[in-house]
N, C-alpha and C. Protein backbone atom coordinates (compact mmCIF):
# COMPACT_ATOMS: atom_id res chain seq x y z
N MET A 1 31.81 -21.01 51.47
CA MET A 1 31.80 -22.08 50.47
C MET A 1 32.67 -21.68 49.27
N SER A 2 33.59 -22.46 48.88
CA SER A 2 34.43 -22.15 47.74
C SER A 2 33.83 -22.69 46.44
N ALA A 3 34.12 -21.97 45.41
CA ALA A 3 33.72 -22.40 44.05
C ALA A 3 34.93 -22.60 43.21
N MET A 4 34.90 -23.49 42.22
CA MET A 4 35.93 -23.69 41.28
C MET A 4 35.81 -22.62 40.23
N VAL A 5 36.82 -21.79 40.08
CA VAL A 5 36.79 -20.61 39.16
C VAL A 5 37.88 -20.81 38.14
N THR A 6 37.55 -20.51 36.90
CA THR A 6 38.58 -20.44 35.82
C THR A 6 38.95 -18.94 35.65
N VAL A 7 40.22 -18.66 35.72
CA VAL A 7 40.73 -17.32 35.52
C VAL A 7 41.46 -17.21 34.20
N ARG A 8 41.05 -16.19 33.41
CA ARG A 8 41.76 -15.94 32.15
C ARG A 8 42.50 -14.64 32.25
N TYR A 9 43.77 -14.65 32.04
CA TYR A 9 44.62 -13.51 32.07
C TYR A 9 44.85 -12.89 30.67
N PHE A 10 44.80 -11.60 30.57
CA PHE A 10 45.06 -10.94 29.25
C PHE A 10 46.21 -9.99 29.39
N ALA A 11 46.87 -9.80 28.27
CA ALA A 11 47.95 -8.81 28.08
C ALA A 11 49.00 -8.90 29.18
N GLY A 12 49.24 -7.75 29.91
CA GLY A 12 50.25 -7.69 30.90
C GLY A 12 49.97 -8.63 32.08
N ALA A 13 48.70 -8.88 32.37
CA ALA A 13 48.35 -9.85 33.45
C ALA A 13 48.85 -11.22 33.05
N ALA A 14 48.66 -11.60 31.83
CA ALA A 14 49.12 -12.97 31.42
C ALA A 14 50.66 -13.05 31.49
N GLU A 15 51.28 -11.98 31.10
CA GLU A 15 52.78 -11.92 31.19
C GLU A 15 53.23 -12.05 32.63
N ALA A 16 52.62 -11.31 33.56
CA ALA A 16 52.98 -11.39 34.97
C ALA A 16 52.71 -12.70 35.61
N ALA A 17 51.62 -13.34 35.20
CA ALA A 17 51.21 -14.63 35.72
C ALA A 17 52.01 -15.78 35.10
N GLY A 18 52.54 -15.53 33.92
CA GLY A 18 53.29 -16.56 33.18
C GLY A 18 52.41 -17.65 32.46
N LEU A 19 51.10 -17.32 32.39
CA LEU A 19 50.19 -18.19 31.71
C LEU A 19 48.91 -17.45 31.40
N ALA A 20 48.10 -18.04 30.52
CA ALA A 20 46.84 -17.44 30.11
C ALA A 20 45.62 -17.83 30.86
N THR A 21 45.61 -19.03 31.42
CA THR A 21 44.41 -19.59 32.09
C THR A 21 44.86 -20.48 33.18
N GLU A 22 44.14 -20.44 34.30
CA GLU A 22 44.28 -21.40 35.38
C GLU A 22 43.02 -21.47 36.21
N THR A 23 42.95 -22.40 37.17
CA THR A 23 41.82 -22.64 37.97
C THR A 23 42.13 -22.47 39.43
N PHE A 24 41.18 -21.81 40.18
CA PHE A 24 41.35 -21.59 41.57
C PHE A 24 40.10 -22.02 42.29
N SER A 25 40.20 -22.26 43.58
CA SER A 25 39.04 -22.47 44.51
C SER A 25 38.97 -21.19 45.30
N ALA A 26 37.84 -20.47 45.18
CA ALA A 26 37.60 -19.27 45.86
C ALA A 26 36.16 -18.97 46.15
N GLY A 27 35.86 -18.39 47.32
CA GLY A 27 34.51 -18.08 47.63
C GLY A 27 34.04 -16.71 47.25
N SER A 28 35.03 -15.77 47.12
CA SER A 28 34.68 -14.39 46.82
C SER A 28 35.72 -13.82 45.94
N VAL A 29 35.44 -12.64 45.38
CA VAL A 29 36.42 -11.95 44.55
C VAL A 29 37.70 -11.63 45.38
N GLY A 30 37.55 -11.21 46.61
CA GLY A 30 38.68 -10.96 47.47
C GLY A 30 39.53 -12.22 47.72
N ASP A 31 38.88 -13.33 47.94
CA ASP A 31 39.65 -14.57 48.12
C ASP A 31 40.44 -14.92 46.80
N LEU A 32 39.76 -14.70 45.66
CA LEU A 32 40.39 -15.04 44.38
C LEU A 32 41.61 -14.13 44.16
N VAL A 33 41.47 -12.85 44.41
CA VAL A 33 42.57 -11.93 44.17
C VAL A 33 43.75 -12.25 45.11
N ALA A 34 43.48 -12.58 46.33
CA ALA A 34 44.52 -12.97 47.33
C ALA A 34 45.22 -14.28 46.88
N SER A 35 44.44 -15.23 46.40
CA SER A 35 45.02 -16.48 45.86
C SER A 35 45.92 -16.25 44.67
N MET A 36 45.47 -15.40 43.70
CA MET A 36 46.28 -15.11 42.56
C MET A 36 47.56 -14.42 42.93
N ALA A 37 47.50 -13.46 43.87
CA ALA A 37 48.72 -12.73 44.30
C ALA A 37 49.60 -13.70 45.02
N HIS A 38 49.13 -14.56 45.86
CA HIS A 38 49.92 -15.54 46.56
C HIS A 38 50.65 -16.49 45.70
N ARG A 39 49.93 -16.99 44.66
CA ARG A 39 50.53 -17.98 43.72
C ARG A 39 51.55 -17.39 42.86
N HIS A 40 51.34 -16.14 42.46
CA HIS A 40 52.28 -15.60 41.43
C HIS A 40 53.14 -14.46 41.92
N GLY A 41 53.01 -14.02 43.17
CA GLY A 41 53.94 -13.08 43.77
C GLY A 41 53.71 -11.62 43.47
N PRO A 42 54.61 -10.74 43.83
CA PRO A 42 54.53 -9.35 43.77
C PRO A 42 54.35 -8.80 42.32
N GLY A 43 54.89 -9.47 41.39
CA GLY A 43 54.76 -9.00 40.01
C GLY A 43 53.33 -8.96 39.60
N LEU A 44 52.61 -10.07 39.80
CA LEU A 44 51.17 -10.05 39.48
C LEU A 44 50.37 -9.20 40.43
N GLN A 45 50.76 -9.16 41.67
CA GLN A 45 50.03 -8.37 42.68
C GLN A 45 49.99 -6.88 42.18
N LYS A 46 51.07 -6.37 41.67
CA LYS A 46 51.19 -5.04 41.23
C LYS A 46 50.25 -4.79 40.04
N VAL A 47 50.24 -5.78 39.07
CA VAL A 47 49.36 -5.69 37.95
C VAL A 47 47.94 -5.68 38.35
N LEU A 48 47.60 -6.66 39.31
CA LEU A 48 46.18 -6.80 39.68
C LEU A 48 45.62 -5.49 40.21
N ALA A 49 46.43 -4.71 40.88
CA ALA A 49 45.98 -3.42 41.47
C ALA A 49 45.40 -2.50 40.42
N GLN A 50 45.81 -2.70 39.14
CA GLN A 50 45.39 -1.83 38.09
C GLN A 50 44.35 -2.47 37.16
N CYS A 51 44.05 -3.71 37.35
CA CYS A 51 43.17 -4.49 36.52
C CYS A 51 41.74 -4.36 36.83
N SER A 52 40.89 -4.61 35.78
CA SER A 52 39.44 -4.80 35.99
C SER A 52 39.21 -6.32 35.98
N LEU A 53 38.23 -6.74 36.77
CA LEU A 53 37.85 -8.12 36.84
C LEU A 53 36.42 -8.30 36.25
N LEU A 54 36.23 -9.24 35.44
CA LEU A 54 34.91 -9.55 34.97
C LEU A 54 34.53 -10.98 35.29
N ALA A 55 33.49 -11.16 36.01
CA ALA A 55 32.96 -12.52 36.36
C ALA A 55 31.79 -12.75 35.52
N ALA A 56 31.85 -13.78 34.64
CA ALA A 56 30.78 -14.11 33.71
C ALA A 56 30.41 -12.89 32.85
N GLY A 57 31.47 -12.12 32.53
CA GLY A 57 31.27 -10.89 31.66
C GLY A 57 30.78 -9.67 32.35
N VAL A 58 30.63 -9.70 33.65
CA VAL A 58 30.17 -8.55 34.40
C VAL A 58 31.27 -8.01 35.29
N ARG A 59 31.59 -6.74 35.21
CA ARG A 59 32.62 -6.14 36.01
C ARG A 59 32.29 -6.31 37.54
N VAL A 60 33.34 -6.72 38.28
CA VAL A 60 33.11 -6.84 39.74
C VAL A 60 34.32 -6.08 40.43
N SER A 61 33.89 -5.28 41.45
CA SER A 61 34.99 -4.54 42.07
C SER A 61 34.91 -4.67 43.68
N ASP A 62 33.79 -5.30 44.16
CA ASP A 62 33.62 -5.45 45.53
C ASP A 62 34.26 -6.80 45.94
N ASP A 63 35.25 -6.73 46.86
CA ASP A 63 35.87 -8.00 47.32
C ASP A 63 34.95 -9.01 47.84
N ALA A 64 33.80 -8.53 48.37
CA ALA A 64 32.87 -9.45 49.04
C ALA A 64 31.92 -10.17 48.00
N THR A 65 32.01 -9.83 46.75
CA THR A 65 31.22 -10.45 45.76
C THR A 65 31.42 -11.96 45.70
N PRO A 66 30.39 -12.75 45.94
CA PRO A 66 30.61 -14.16 45.91
C PRO A 66 30.78 -14.68 44.49
N LEU A 67 31.52 -15.81 44.35
CA LEU A 67 31.72 -16.43 43.06
C LEU A 67 31.00 -17.74 43.04
N THR A 68 30.46 -18.09 41.88
CA THR A 68 29.71 -19.34 41.76
C THR A 68 30.59 -20.36 41.09
N ASP A 69 30.29 -21.61 41.34
CA ASP A 69 31.04 -22.76 40.77
C ASP A 69 30.95 -22.69 39.23
N GLY A 70 32.14 -22.84 38.63
CA GLY A 70 32.21 -22.85 37.11
C GLY A 70 32.34 -21.51 36.49
N VAL A 71 32.31 -20.40 37.24
CA VAL A 71 32.38 -19.05 36.59
C VAL A 71 33.74 -18.87 36.05
N THR A 72 33.80 -18.03 34.95
CA THR A 72 35.09 -17.59 34.41
C THR A 72 35.32 -16.14 34.79
N VAL A 73 36.48 -15.85 35.31
CA VAL A 73 36.85 -14.51 35.67
C VAL A 73 37.92 -14.04 34.76
N ASP A 74 37.72 -12.96 34.06
CA ASP A 74 38.67 -12.39 33.18
C ASP A 74 39.48 -11.28 33.89
N VAL A 75 40.78 -11.30 33.74
CA VAL A 75 41.63 -10.25 34.41
C VAL A 75 42.14 -9.34 33.22
N LEU A 76 41.67 -8.13 33.23
CA LEU A 76 41.94 -7.21 32.15
C LEU A 76 42.71 -5.99 32.62
N PRO A 77 43.99 -5.87 32.20
CA PRO A 77 44.70 -4.69 32.55
C PRO A 77 44.18 -3.49 31.74
N PRO A 78 44.56 -2.25 32.10
CA PRO A 78 44.10 -1.14 31.35
C PRO A 78 44.72 -1.24 29.89
N PHE A 79 43.98 -0.91 28.95
CA PHE A 79 44.41 -0.94 27.56
C PHE A 79 44.56 0.49 27.02
N ALA A 80 45.53 0.74 26.27
CA ALA A 80 45.71 2.02 25.58
C ALA A 80 45.28 1.76 24.14
N GLY A 81 44.68 2.73 23.57
CA GLY A 81 44.17 2.57 22.17
C GLY A 81 44.20 3.81 21.42
N GLY A 82 43.91 3.65 20.21
CA GLY A 82 43.89 4.87 19.37
C GLY A 82 43.38 4.63 17.99
């Protein structure tokens, strides 16, 4: 079963996607990542490999993690700080 998911891209992920927010229909984290890579191509796919994903503020790393309708997924590339 697919859920309507809002994706928010930050920093380099937003640059690679060409936008800050969009909506997908996806049943799992793996489905969502595949859809994002398909829609935006190899530039975003390369960035996604280095990103952390947060669903409703909780880090998710297992592709089998189900997504619920209306959840927001944040795509966070590694940040350097000091």
